[in-house]
PDB file of all heavy atoms in Angstrom:
ATOM      1  N   GLU A   1       6.372-139.199 -32.902  1.00  0.00           N
ATOM      2  CA  GLU A   1       7.099-139.789 -34.028  1.00  0.00           C
ATOM      3  C   GLU A   1       7.640-138.678 -34.928  1.00  0.00           C
ATOM      4  O   GLU A   1       7.109-137.572 -34.950  1.00  0.00           O
ATOM      5  CB  GLU A   1       6.164-140.676 -34.841  1.00  0.00           C
ATOM      6  CG  GLU A   1       5.734-141.938 -34.135  1.00  0.00           C
ATOM      7  CD  GLU A   1       4.846-142.804 -35.018  1.00  0.00           C
ATOM      8  OE1 GLU A   1       4.895-142.668 -36.255  1.00  0.00           O
ATOM      9  OE2 GLU A   1       4.113-143.622 -34.446  1.00  0.00           O
ATOM     10  N   ASP A   2       8.668-139.012 -35.681  1.00  0.00           N
ATOM     11  CA  ASP A   2       9.266-138.064 -36.630  1.00  0.00           C
ATOM     12  C   ASP A   2       9.662-136.760 -35.941  1.00  0.00           C
ATOM     13  O   ASP A   2       9.429-135.666 -36.460  1.00  0.00           O
ATOM     14  CB  ASP A   2       8.312-137.781 -37.805  1.00  0.00           C
ATOM     15  CG  ASP A   2       7.951-139.038 -38.567  1.00  0.00           C
ATOM     16  OD1 ASP A   2       8.846-139.884 -38.755  1.00  0.00           O
ATOM     17  OD2 ASP A   2       6.780-139.167 -38.956  1.00  0.00           O
ATOM     18  N   SER A   3      10.254-136.876 -34.771  1.00  0.00           N
ATOM     19  CA  SER A   3      10.679-135.707 -34.000  1.00  0.00           C
ATOM     20  C   SER A   3      12.128-135.890 -33.578  1.00  0.00           C
ATOM     21  O   SER A   3      12.584-137.010 -33.361  1.00  0.00           O
ATOM     22  CB  SER A   3       9.782-135.543 -32.767  1.00  0.00           C
ATOM     23  OG  SER A   3       8.444-135.349 -33.167  1.00  0.00           O
ATOM     24  N   ARG A   4      12.841-134.756 -33.476  1.00  0.00           N
ATOM     25  CA  ARG A   4      14.262-134.865 -33.144  1.00  0.00           C
ATOM     26  C   ARG A   4      14.810-133.520 -32.691  1.00  0.00           C
ATOM     27  O   ARG A   4      14.287-132.462 -33.058  1.00  0.00           O
ATOM     28  CB  ARG A   4      15.054-135.344 -34.349  1.00  0.00           C
ATOM     29  CG  ARG A   4      15.011-134.375 -35.519  1.00  0.00           C
ATOM     30  CD  ARG A   4      15.498-135.011 -36.826  1.00  0.00           C
ATOM     31  NE  ARG A   4      15.356-134.055 -37.911  1.00  0.00           N
ATOM     32  CZ  ARG A   4      16.367-133.452 -38.515  1.00  0.00           C
ATOM     33  NH1 ARG A   4      17.603-133.720 -38.167  1.00  0.00           N
ATOM     34  NH2 ARG A   4      16.157-132.592 -39.488  1.00  0.00           N
ATOM     35  N   VAL A   5      15.863-133.581 -31.898  1.00  0.00           N
ATOM     36  CA  VAL A   5      16.648-132.399 -31.568  1.00  0.00           C
ATOM     37  C   VAL A   5      17.611-132.209 -32.721  1.00  0.00           C
ATOM     38  O   VAL A   5      18.302-133.146 -33.120  1.00  0.00           O
ATOM     39  CB  VAL A   5      17.395-132.572 -30.228  1.00  0.00           C
ATOM     40  CG1 VAL A   5      18.364-131.418 -29.986  1.00  0.00           C
ATOM     41  CG2 VAL A   5      16.403-132.713 -29.076  1.00  0.00           C
ATOM     42  N   THR A   6      17.656-131.005 -33.275  1.00  0.00           N
ATOM     43  CA  THR A   6      18.527-130.765 -34.425  1.00  0.00           C
ATOM     44  C   THR A   6      19.781-129.968 -34.095  1.00  0.00           C
ATOM     45  O   THR A   6      20.752-130.017 -34.846  1.00  0.00           O
ATOM     46  CB  THR A   6      17.752-130.050 -35.549  1.00  0.00           C
ATOM     47  OG1 THR A   6      17.230-128.814 -35.049  1.00  0.00           O
ATOM     48  CG2 THR A   6      16.618-130.924 -36.071  1.00  0.00           C
ATOM     49  N   ASP A   7      19.759-129.232 -32.972  1.00  0.00           N
ATOM     50  CA  ASP A   7      20.931-128.418 -32.645  1.00  0.00           C
ATOM     51  C   ASP A   7      20.882-128.011 -31.178  1.00  0.00           C
ATOM     52  O   ASP A   7      19.806-127.716 -30.643  1.00  0.00           O
ATOM     53  CB  ASP A   7      20.962-127.158 -33.525  1.00  0.00           C
ATOM     54  CG  ASP A   7      22.301-126.459 -33.520  1.00  0.00           C
ATOM     55  OD1 ASP A   7      23.334-127.125 -33.282  1.00  0.00           O
ATOM     56  OD2 ASP A   7      22.322-125.240 -33.753  1.00  0.00           O
ATOM     57  N   VAL A   8      22.037-128.003 -30.552  1.00  0.00           N
ATOM     58  CA  VAL A   8      22.186-127.494 -29.189  1.00  0.00           C
ATOM     59  C   VAL A   8      23.402-126.585 -29.184  1.00  0.00           C
ATOM     60  O   VAL A   8      24.510-127.005 -29.519  1.00  0.00           O
ATOM     61  CB  VAL A   8      22.374-128.623 -28.151  1.00  0.00           C
ATOM     62  CG1 VAL A   8      22.573-128.044 -26.759  1.00  0.00           C
ATOM     63  CG2 VAL A   8      21.203-129.595 -28.181  1.00  0.00           C
ATOM     64  N   ILE A   9      23.193-125.333 -28.838  1.00  0.00           N
ATOM     65  CA  ILE A   9      24.287-124.369 -28.732  1.00  0.00           C
ATOM     66  C   ILE A   9      24.388-123.975 -27.267  1.00  0.00           C
ATOM     67  O   ILE A   9      23.384-123.615 -26.641  1.00  0.00           O
ATOM     68  CB  ILE A   9      24.024-123.120 -29.594  1.00  0.00           C
ATOM     69  CG1 ILE A   9      23.846-123.517 -31.065  1.00  0.00           C
ATOM     70  CG2 ILE A   9      25.161-122.113 -29.425  1.00  0.00           C
ATOM     71  CD1 ILE A   9      23.367-122.374 -31.936  1.00  0.00           C
ATOM     72  N   THR A  10      25.593-124.050 -26.716  1.00  0.00           N
ATOM     73  CA  THR A  10      25.813-123.732 -25.308  1.00  0.00           C
ATOM     74  C   THR A  10      26.687-122.488 -25.199  1.00  0.00           C
ATOM     75  O   THR A  10      27.726-122.394 -25.857  1.00  0.00           O
ATOM     76  CB  THR A  10      26.496-124.920 -24.593  1.00  0.00           C
ATOM     77  OG1 THR A  10      25.684-126.085 -24.756  1.00  0.00           O
ATOM     78  CG2 THR A  10      26.686-124.628 -23.118  1.00  0.00           C
ATOM     79  N   TYR A  11      26.241-121.568 -24.361  1.00  0.00           N
ATOM     80  CA  TYR A  11      26.999-120.346 -24.084  1.00  0.00           C
ATOM     81  C   TYR A  11      27.329-120.333 -22.593  1.00  0.00           C
ATOM     82  O   TYR A  11      26.429-120.316 -21.749  1.00  0.00           O
ATOM     83  CB  TYR A  11      26.181-119.098 -24.433  1.00  0.00           C
ATOM     84  CG  TYR A  11      25.803-119.004 -25.894  1.00  0.00           C
ATOM     85  CD1 TYR A  11      24.546-119.408 -26.329  1.00  0.00           C
ATOM     86  CD2 TYR A  11      26.709-118.511 -26.823  1.00  0.00           C
ATOM     87  CE1 TYR A  11      24.196-119.328 -27.665  1.00  0.00           C
ATOM     88  CE2 TYR A  11      26.365-118.430 -28.171  1.00  0.00           C
ATOM     89  CZ  TYR A  11      25.108-118.840 -28.570  1.00  0.00           C
ATOM     90  OH  TYR A  11      24.771-118.768 -29.908  1.00  0.00           O
ATOM     91  N   GLU A  12      28.614-120.341 -22.281  1.00  0.00           N
ATOM     92  CA  GLU A  12      29.057-120.295 -20.881  1.00  0.00           C
ATOM     93  C   GLU A  12      28.963-118.867 -20.357  1.00  0.00           C
ATOM     94  O   GLU A  12      29.237-117.906 -21.080  1.00  0.00           O
ATOM     95  CB  GLU A  12      30.491-120.810 -20.758  1.00  0.00           C
ATOM     96  CG  GLU A  12      30.675-122.249 -21.198  1.00  0.00           C
ATOM     97  CD  GLU A  12      29.949-123.267 -20.323  1.00  0.00           C
ATOM     98  OE1 GLU A  12      29.716-122.996 -19.127  1.00  0.00           O
ATOM     99  OE2 GLU A  12      29.591-124.334 -20.863  1.00  0.00           O
ATOM    100  N   ASN A  13      28.570-118.720 -19.120  1.00  0.00           N
ATOM    101  CA  ASN A  13      28.515-117.419 -18.429  1.00  0.00           C
ATOM    102  C   ASN A  13      27.694-116.386 -19.177  1.00  0.00           C
ATOM    103  O   ASN A  13      28.026-115.202 -19.185  1.00  0.00           O
ATOM    104  CB  ASN A  13      29.932-116.888 -18.185  1.00  0.00           C
ATOM    105  CG  ASN A  13      30.733-117.818 -17.325  1.00  0.00           C
ATOM    106  OD1 ASN A  13      30.260-118.290 -16.293  1.00  0.00           O
ATOM    107  ND2 ASN A  13      31.947-118.126 -17.753  1.00  0.00           N
ATOM    108  N   ALA A  14      26.635-116.792 -19.798  1.00  0.00           N
ATOM    109  CA  ALA A  14      25.823-115.858 -20.588  1.00  0.00           C
ATOM    110  C   ALA A  14      24.494-115.522 -19.919  1.00  0.00           C
ATOM    111  O   ALA A  14      23.836-114.571 -20.302  1.00  0.00           O
ATOM    112  CB  ALA A  14      25.551-116.452 -21.974  1.00  0.00           C
ATOM    113  N   GLY A  15      24.098-116.303 -18.937  1.00  0.00           N
ATOM    114  CA  GLY A  15      22.810-116.092 -18.297  1.00  0.00           C
ATOM    115  C   GLY A  15      22.933-115.295 -17.017  1.00  0.00           C
ATOM    116  O   GLY A  15      24.009-114.823 -16.663  1.00  0.00           O
ATOM    117  N   PRO A  16      21.812-115.155 -16.325  1.00  0.00           N
ATOM    118  CA  PRO A  16      21.823-114.447 -15.045  1.00  0.00           C
ATOM    119  C   PRO A  16      22.825-115.100 -14.085  1.00  0.00           C
ATOM    120  O   PRO A  16      22.918-116.325 -14.018  1.00  0.00           O
ATOM    121  CB  PRO A  16      20.389-114.605 -14.523  1.00  0.00           C
ATOM    122  CG  PRO A  16      19.570-115.034 -15.700  1.00  0.00           C
ATOM    123  CD  PRO A  16      20.508-115.689 -16.656  1.00  0.00           C
ATOM    124  N   GLU A  17      23.587-114.293 -13.403  1.00  0.00           N
ATOM    125  CA  GLU A  17      24.567-114.762 -12.423  1.00  0.00           C
ATOM    126  C   GLU A  17      25.574-115.734 -13.038  1.00  0.00           C
ATOM    127  O   GLU A  17      26.004-116.694 -12.400  1.00  0.00           O
ATOM    128  CB  GLU A  17      23.858-115.391 -11.224  1.00  0.00           C
ATOM    129  CG  GLU A  17      22.951-114.405 -10.509  1.00  0.00           C
ATOM    130  CD  GLU A  17      22.182-115.031  -9.356  1.00  0.00           C
ATOM    131  OE1 GLU A  17      22.590-116.108  -8.859  1.00  0.00           O
ATOM    132  OE2 GLU A  17      21.177-114.447  -8.962  1.00  0.00           O
ATOM    133  N   GLY A  18      25.907-115.544 -14.311  1.00  0.00           N
ATOM    134  CA  GLY A  18      26.920-116.349 -14.978  1.00  0.00           C
ATOM    135  C   GLY A  18      26.487-117.751 -15.362  1.00  0.00           C
ATOM    136  O   GLY A  18      27.318-118.598 -15.635  1.00  0.00           O
ATOM    137  N   GLN A  19      25.186-117.999 -15.407  1.00  0.00           N
ATOM    138  CA  GLN A  19      24.690-119.327 -15.754  1.00  0.00           C
ATOM    139  C   GLN A  19      24.982-119.678 -17.207  1.00  0.00           C
ATOM    140  O   GLN A  19      25.096-118.808 -18.061  1.00  0.00           O
ATOM    141  CB  GLN A  19      23.182-119.411 -15.537  1.00  0.00           C
ATOM    142  CG  GLN A  19      22.765-119.354 -14.086  1.00  0.00           C
ATOM    143  CD  GLN A  19      21.257-119.310 -13.947  1.00  0.00           C
ATOM    144  OE1 GLN A  19      20.559-118.749 -14.771  1.00  0.00           O
ATOM    145  NE2 GLN A  19      20.765-119.920 -12.884  1.00  0.00           N
ATOM    146  N   THR A  20      25.083-120.974 -17.450  1.00  0.00           N
ATOM    147  CA  THR A  20      25.205-121.480 -18.811  1.00  0.00           C
ATOM    148  C   THR A  20      23.849-121.361 -19.484  1.00  0.00           C
ATOM    149  O   THR A  20      22.815-121.618 -18.881  1.00  0.00           O
ATOM    150  CB  THR A  20      25.652-122.954 -18.786  1.00  0.00           C
ATOM    151  OG1 THR A  20      26.932-123.017 -18.164  1.00  0.00           O
ATOM    152  CG2 THR A  20      25.723-123.538 -20.181  1.00  0.00           C
ATOM    153  N   VAL A  21      23.850-120.939 -20.724  1.00  0.00           N
ATOM    154  CA  VAL A  21      22.610-120.798 -21.493  1.00  0.00           C
ATOM    155  C   VAL A  21      22.685-121.746 -22.680  1.00  0.00           C
ATOM    156  O   VAL A  21      23.713-121.852 -23.338  1.00  0.00           O
ATOM    157  CB  VAL A  21      22.431-119.346 -21.991  1.00  0.00           C
ATOM    158  CG1 VAL A  21      21.276-119.239 -22.966  1.00  0.00           C
ATOM    159  CG2 VAL A  21      22.239-118.402 -20.820  1.00  0.00           C
ATOM    160  N   LYS A  22      21.587-122.434 -22.928  1.00  0.00           N
ATOM    161  CA  LYS A  22      21.499-123.293 -24.097  1.00  0.00           C
ATOM    162  C   LYS A  22      20.362-122.812 -24.986  1.00  0.00           C
ATOM    163  O   LYS A  22      19.320-122.386 -24.498  1.00  0.00           O
ATOM    164  CB  LYS A  22      21.240-124.748 -23.695  1.00  0.00           C
ATOM    165  CG  LYS A  22      22.433-125.400 -23.032  1.00  0.00           C
ATOM    166  CD  LYS A  22      22.181-126.853 -22.761  1.00  0.00           C
ATOM    167  CE  LYS A  22      23.402-127.456 -22.092  1.00  0.00           C
ATOM    168  NZ  LYS A  22      23.200-128.863 -21.774  1.00  0.00           N
ATOM    169  N   ILE A  23      20.622-122.892 -26.273  1.00  0.00           N
ATOM    170  CA  ILE A  23      19.581-122.696 -27.277  1.00  0.00           C
ATOM    171  C   ILE A  23      19.456-124.034 -27.989  1.00  0.00           C
ATOM    172  O   ILE A  23      20.437-124.551 -28.534  1.00  0.00           O
ATOM    173  CB  ILE A  23      19.938-121.572 -28.259  1.00  0.00           C
ATOM    174  CG1 ILE A  23      20.070-120.244 -27.506  1.00  0.00           C
ATOM    175  CG2 ILE A  23      18.886-121.480 -29.359  1.00  0.00           C
ATOM    176  CD1 ILE A  23      20.572-119.099 -28.355  1.00  0.00           C
ATOM    177  N   VAL A  24      18.257-124.599 -27.940  1.00  0.00           N
ATOM    178  CA  VAL A  24      18.020-125.934 -28.473  1.00  0.00           C
ATOM    179  C   VAL A  24      16.985-125.828 -29.587  1.00  0.00           C
ATOM    180  O   VAL A  24      15.892-125.299 -29.382  1.00  0.00           O
ATOM    181  CB  VAL A  24      17.503-126.884 -27.372  1.00  0.00           C
ATOM    182  CG1 VAL A  24      17.317-128.290 -27.926  1.00  0.00           C
ATOM    183  CG2 VAL A  24      18.444-126.881 -26.175  1.00  0.00           C
ATOM    184  N   THR A  25      17.346-126.305 -30.752  1.00  0.00           N
ATOM    185  CA  THR A  25      16.412-126.352 -31.877  1.00  0.00           C
ATOM    186  C   THR A  25      15.937-127.786 -32.010  1.00  0.00           C
ATOM    187  O   THR A  25      16.745-128.718 -31.969  1.00  0.00           O
ATOM    188  CB  THR A  25      17.096-125.878 -33.172  1.00  0.00           C
ATOM    189  OG1 THR A  25      17.658-124.578 -32.955  1.00  0.00           O
ATOM    190  CG2 THR A  25      16.102-125.813 -34.321  1.00  0.00           C
ATOM    191  N   PHE A  26      14.621-127.948 -32.144  1.00  0.00           N
ATOM    192  CA  PHE A  26      14.073-129.291 -32.275  1.00  0.00           C
ATOM    193  C   PHE A  26      12.845-129.273 -33.175  1.00  0.00           C
ATOM    194  O   PHE A  26      12.264-128.219 -33.423  1.00  0.00           O
ATOM    195  CB  PHE A  26      13.754-129.910 -30.906  1.00  0.00           C
ATOM    196  CG  PHE A  26      12.698-129.200 -30.098  1.00  0.00           C
ATOM    197  CD1 PHE A  26      11.396-129.700 -30.031  1.00  0.00           C
ATOM    198  CD2 PHE A  26      12.993-128.054 -29.369  1.00  0.00           C
ATOM    199  CE1 PHE A  26      10.424-129.077 -29.268  1.00  0.00           C
ATOM    200  CE2 PHE A  26      12.030-127.421 -28.596  1.00  0.00           C
ATOM    201  CZ  PHE A  26      10.739-127.933 -28.552  1.00  0.00           C
ATOM    202  N   GLU A  27      12.491-130.452 -33.653  1.00  0.00           N
ATOM    203  CA  GLU A  27      11.319-130.610 -34.515  1.00  0.00           C
ATOM    204  C   GLU A  27      10.353-131.590 -33.872  1.00  0.00           C
ATOM    205  O   GLU A  27      10.775-132.640 -33.364  1.00  0.00           O
ATOM    206  CB  GLU A  27      11.710-131.151 -35.886  1.00  0.00           C
ATOM    207  CG  GLU A  27      12.562-130.211 -36.701  1.00  0.00           C
ATOM    208  CD  GLU A  27      13.009-130.816 -38.020  1.00  0.00           C
ATOM    209  OE1 GLU A  27      12.639-131.981 -38.321  1.00  0.00           O
ATOM    210  OE2 GLU A  27      13.748-130.134 -38.745  1.00  0.00           O
ATOM    211  N   LEU A  28       9.087-131.243 -33.893  1.00  0.00           N
ATOM    212  CA  LEU A  28       8.018-132.147 -33.502  1.00  0.00           C
ATOM    213  C   LEU A  28       7.172-132.394 -34.734  1.00  0.00           C
ATOM    214  O   LEU A  28       6.505-131.482 -35.213  1.00  0.00           O
ATOM    215  CB  LEU A  28       7.151-131.552 -32.384  1.00  0.00           C
ATOM    216  CG  LEU A  28       7.835-131.258 -31.055  1.00  0.00           C
ATOM    217  CD1 LEU A  28       6.848-130.661 -30.068  1.00  0.00           C
ATOM    218  CD2 LEU A  28       8.479-132.520 -30.491  1.00  0.00           C
ATOM    219  N   MET A  29       7.286-133.591 -35.278  1.00  0.00           N
ATOM    220  CA  MET A  29       6.517-133.988 -36.454  1.00  0.00           C
ATOM    221  C   MET A  29       6.655-132.969 -37.591  1.00  0.00           C
ATOM    222  O   MET A  29       5.686-132.572 -38.227  1.00  0.00           O
ATOM    223  CB  MET A  29       5.065-134.221 -36.075  1.00  0.00           C
ATOM    224  CG  MET A  29       4.908-135.303 -35.009  1.00  0.00           C
ATOM    225  SD  MET A  29       3.234-135.579 -34.467  1.00  0.00           S
ATOM    226  CE  MET A  29       2.641-136.558 -35.845  1.00  0.00           C
ATOM    227  N   GLY A  30       7.889-132.515 -37.809  1.00  0.00           N
ATOM    228  CA  GLY A  30       8.183-131.603 -38.906  1.00  0.00           C
ATOM    229  C   GLY A  30       8.087-130.128 -38.576  1.00  0.00           C
ATOM    230  O   GLY A  30       8.552-129.296 -39.350  1.00  0.00           O
ATOM    231  N   GLN A  31       7.495-129.763 -37.444  1.00  0.00           N
ATOM    232  CA  GLN A  31       7.379-128.357 -37.038  1.00  0.00           C
ATOM    233  C   GLN A  31       8.591-127.999 -36.188  1.00  0.00           C
ATOM    234  O   GLN A  31       8.905-128.682 -35.218  1.00  0.00           O
ATOM    235  CB  GLN A  31       6.095-128.141 -36.236  1.00  0.00           C
ATOM    236  CG  GLN A  31       5.922-126.740 -35.681  1.00  0.00           C
ATOM    237  CD  GLN A  31       5.737-125.698 -36.751  1.00  0.00           C
ATOM    238  OE1 GLN A  31       4.979-125.911 -37.691  1.00  0.00           O
ATOM    239  NE2 GLN A  31       6.409-124.583 -36.618  1.00  0.00           N
ATOM    240  N   GLU A  32       9.274-126.920 -36.560  1.00  0.00           N
ATOM    241  CA  GLU A  32      10.492-126.525 -35.860  1.00  0.00           C
ATOM    242  C   GLU A  32      10.192-125.598 -34.684  1.00  0.00           C
ATOM    243  O   GLU A  32       9.358-124.696 -34.777  1.00  0.00           O
ATOM    244  CB  GLU A  32      11.450-125.832 -36.837  1.00  0.00           C
ATOM    245  CG  GLU A  32      12.825-125.636 -36.264  1.00  0.00           C
ATOM    246  CD  GLU A  32      13.815-125.151 -37.313  1.00  0.00           C
ATOM    247  OE1 GLU A  32      13.476-124.245 -38.102  1.00  0.00           O
ATOM    248  OE2 GLU A  32      14.923-125.693 -37.334  1.00  0.00           O
ATOM    249  N   TYR A  33      10.910-125.827 -33.588  1.00  0.00           N
ATOM    250  CA  TYR A  33      10.807-125.015 -32.374  1.00  0.00           C
ATOM    251  C   TYR A  33      12.204-124.638 -31.926  1.00  0.00           C
ATOM    252  O   TYR A  33      13.164-125.362 -32.188  1.00  0.00           O
ATOM    253  CB  TYR A  33      10.136-125.807 -31.240  1.00  0.00           C
ATOM    254  CG  TYR A  33       8.717-126.197 -31.533  1.00  0.00           C
ATOM    255  CD1 TYR A  33       8.427-127.334 -32.273  1.00  0.00           C
ATOM    256  CD2 TYR A  33       7.666-125.411 -31.087  1.00  0.00           C
ATOM    257  CE1 TYR A  33       7.118-127.683 -32.555  1.00  0.00           C
ATOM    258  CE2 TYR A  33       6.343-125.761 -31.365  1.00  0.00           C
ATOM    259  CZ  TYR A  33       6.086-126.898 -32.095  1.00  0.00           C
ATOM    260  OH  TYR A  33       4.794-127.249 -32.380  1.00  0.00           O
ATOM    261  N   ILE A  34      12.287-123.530 -31.212  1.00  0.00           N
ATOM    262  CA  ILE A  34      13.541-123.106 -30.607  1.00  0.00           C
ATOM    263  C   ILE A  34      13.278-122.940 -29.114  1.00  0.00           C
ATOM    264  O   ILE A  34      12.326-122.263 -28.714  1.00  0.00           O
ATOM    265  CB  ILE A  34      14.037-121.771 -31.191  1.00  0.00           C
ATOM    266  CG1 ILE A  34      14.246-121.902 -32.696  1.00  0.00           C
ATOM    267  CG2 ILE A  34      15.324-121.323 -30.495  1.00  0.00           C
ATOM    268  CD1 ILE A  34      14.471-120.569 -33.401  1.00  0.00           C
ATOM    269  N   ALA A  35      14.098-123.588 -28.290  1.00  0.00           N
ATOM    270  CA  ALA A  35      13.971-123.497 -26.841  1.00  0.00           C
ATOM    271  C   ALA A  35      15.197-122.784 -26.295  1.00  0.00           C
ATOM    272  O   ALA A  35      16.321-123.045 -26.718  1.00  0.00           O
ATOM    273  CB  ALA A  35      13.839-124.884 -26.234  1.00  0.00           C
ATOM    274  N   LEU A  36      14.984-121.886 -25.353  1.00  0.00           N
ATOM    275  CA  LEU A  36      16.046-121.059 -24.778  1.00  0.00           C
ATOM    276  C   LEU A  36      16.047-121.199 -23.269  1.00  0.00           C
ATOM    277  O   LEU A  36      14.994-121.136 -22.639  1.00  0.00           O
ATOM    278  CB  LEU A  36      15.809-119.592 -25.143  1.00  0.00           C
ATOM    279  CG  LEU A  36      16.618-118.547 -24.386  1.00  0.00           C
ATOM    280  CD1 LEU A  36      18.071-118.570 -24.842  1.00  0.00           C
ATOM    281  CD2 LEU A  36      16.014-117.168 -24.580  1.00  0.00           C
ATOM    282  N   ASP A  37      17.238-121.381 -22.688  1.00  0.00           N
ATOM    283  CA  ASP A  37      17.399-121.268 -21.239  1.00  0.00           C
ATOM    284  C   ASP A  37      17.504-119.787 -20.915  1.00  0.00           C
ATOM    285  O   ASP A  37      18.593-119.229 -20.832  1.00  0.00           O
ATOM    286  CB  ASP A  37      18.681-121.976 -20.780  1.00  0.00           C
ATOM    287  CG  ASP A  37      18.552-123.473 -20.738  1.00  0.00           C
ATOM    288  OD1 ASP A  37      17.427-123.979 -20.622  1.00  0.00           O
ATOM    289  OD2 ASP A  37      19.600-124.150 -20.804  1.00  0.00           O
TER     290      ASP A  37
END
């Protein structure tokens, strides 16, 4: 509960072998996390 994705940033051709990379910011019960591809 009280959790949400707050931002998704996509970078084309930024990862290994030209992969798309996403940085996703989200909250779990008010605590912020950042997830990276």
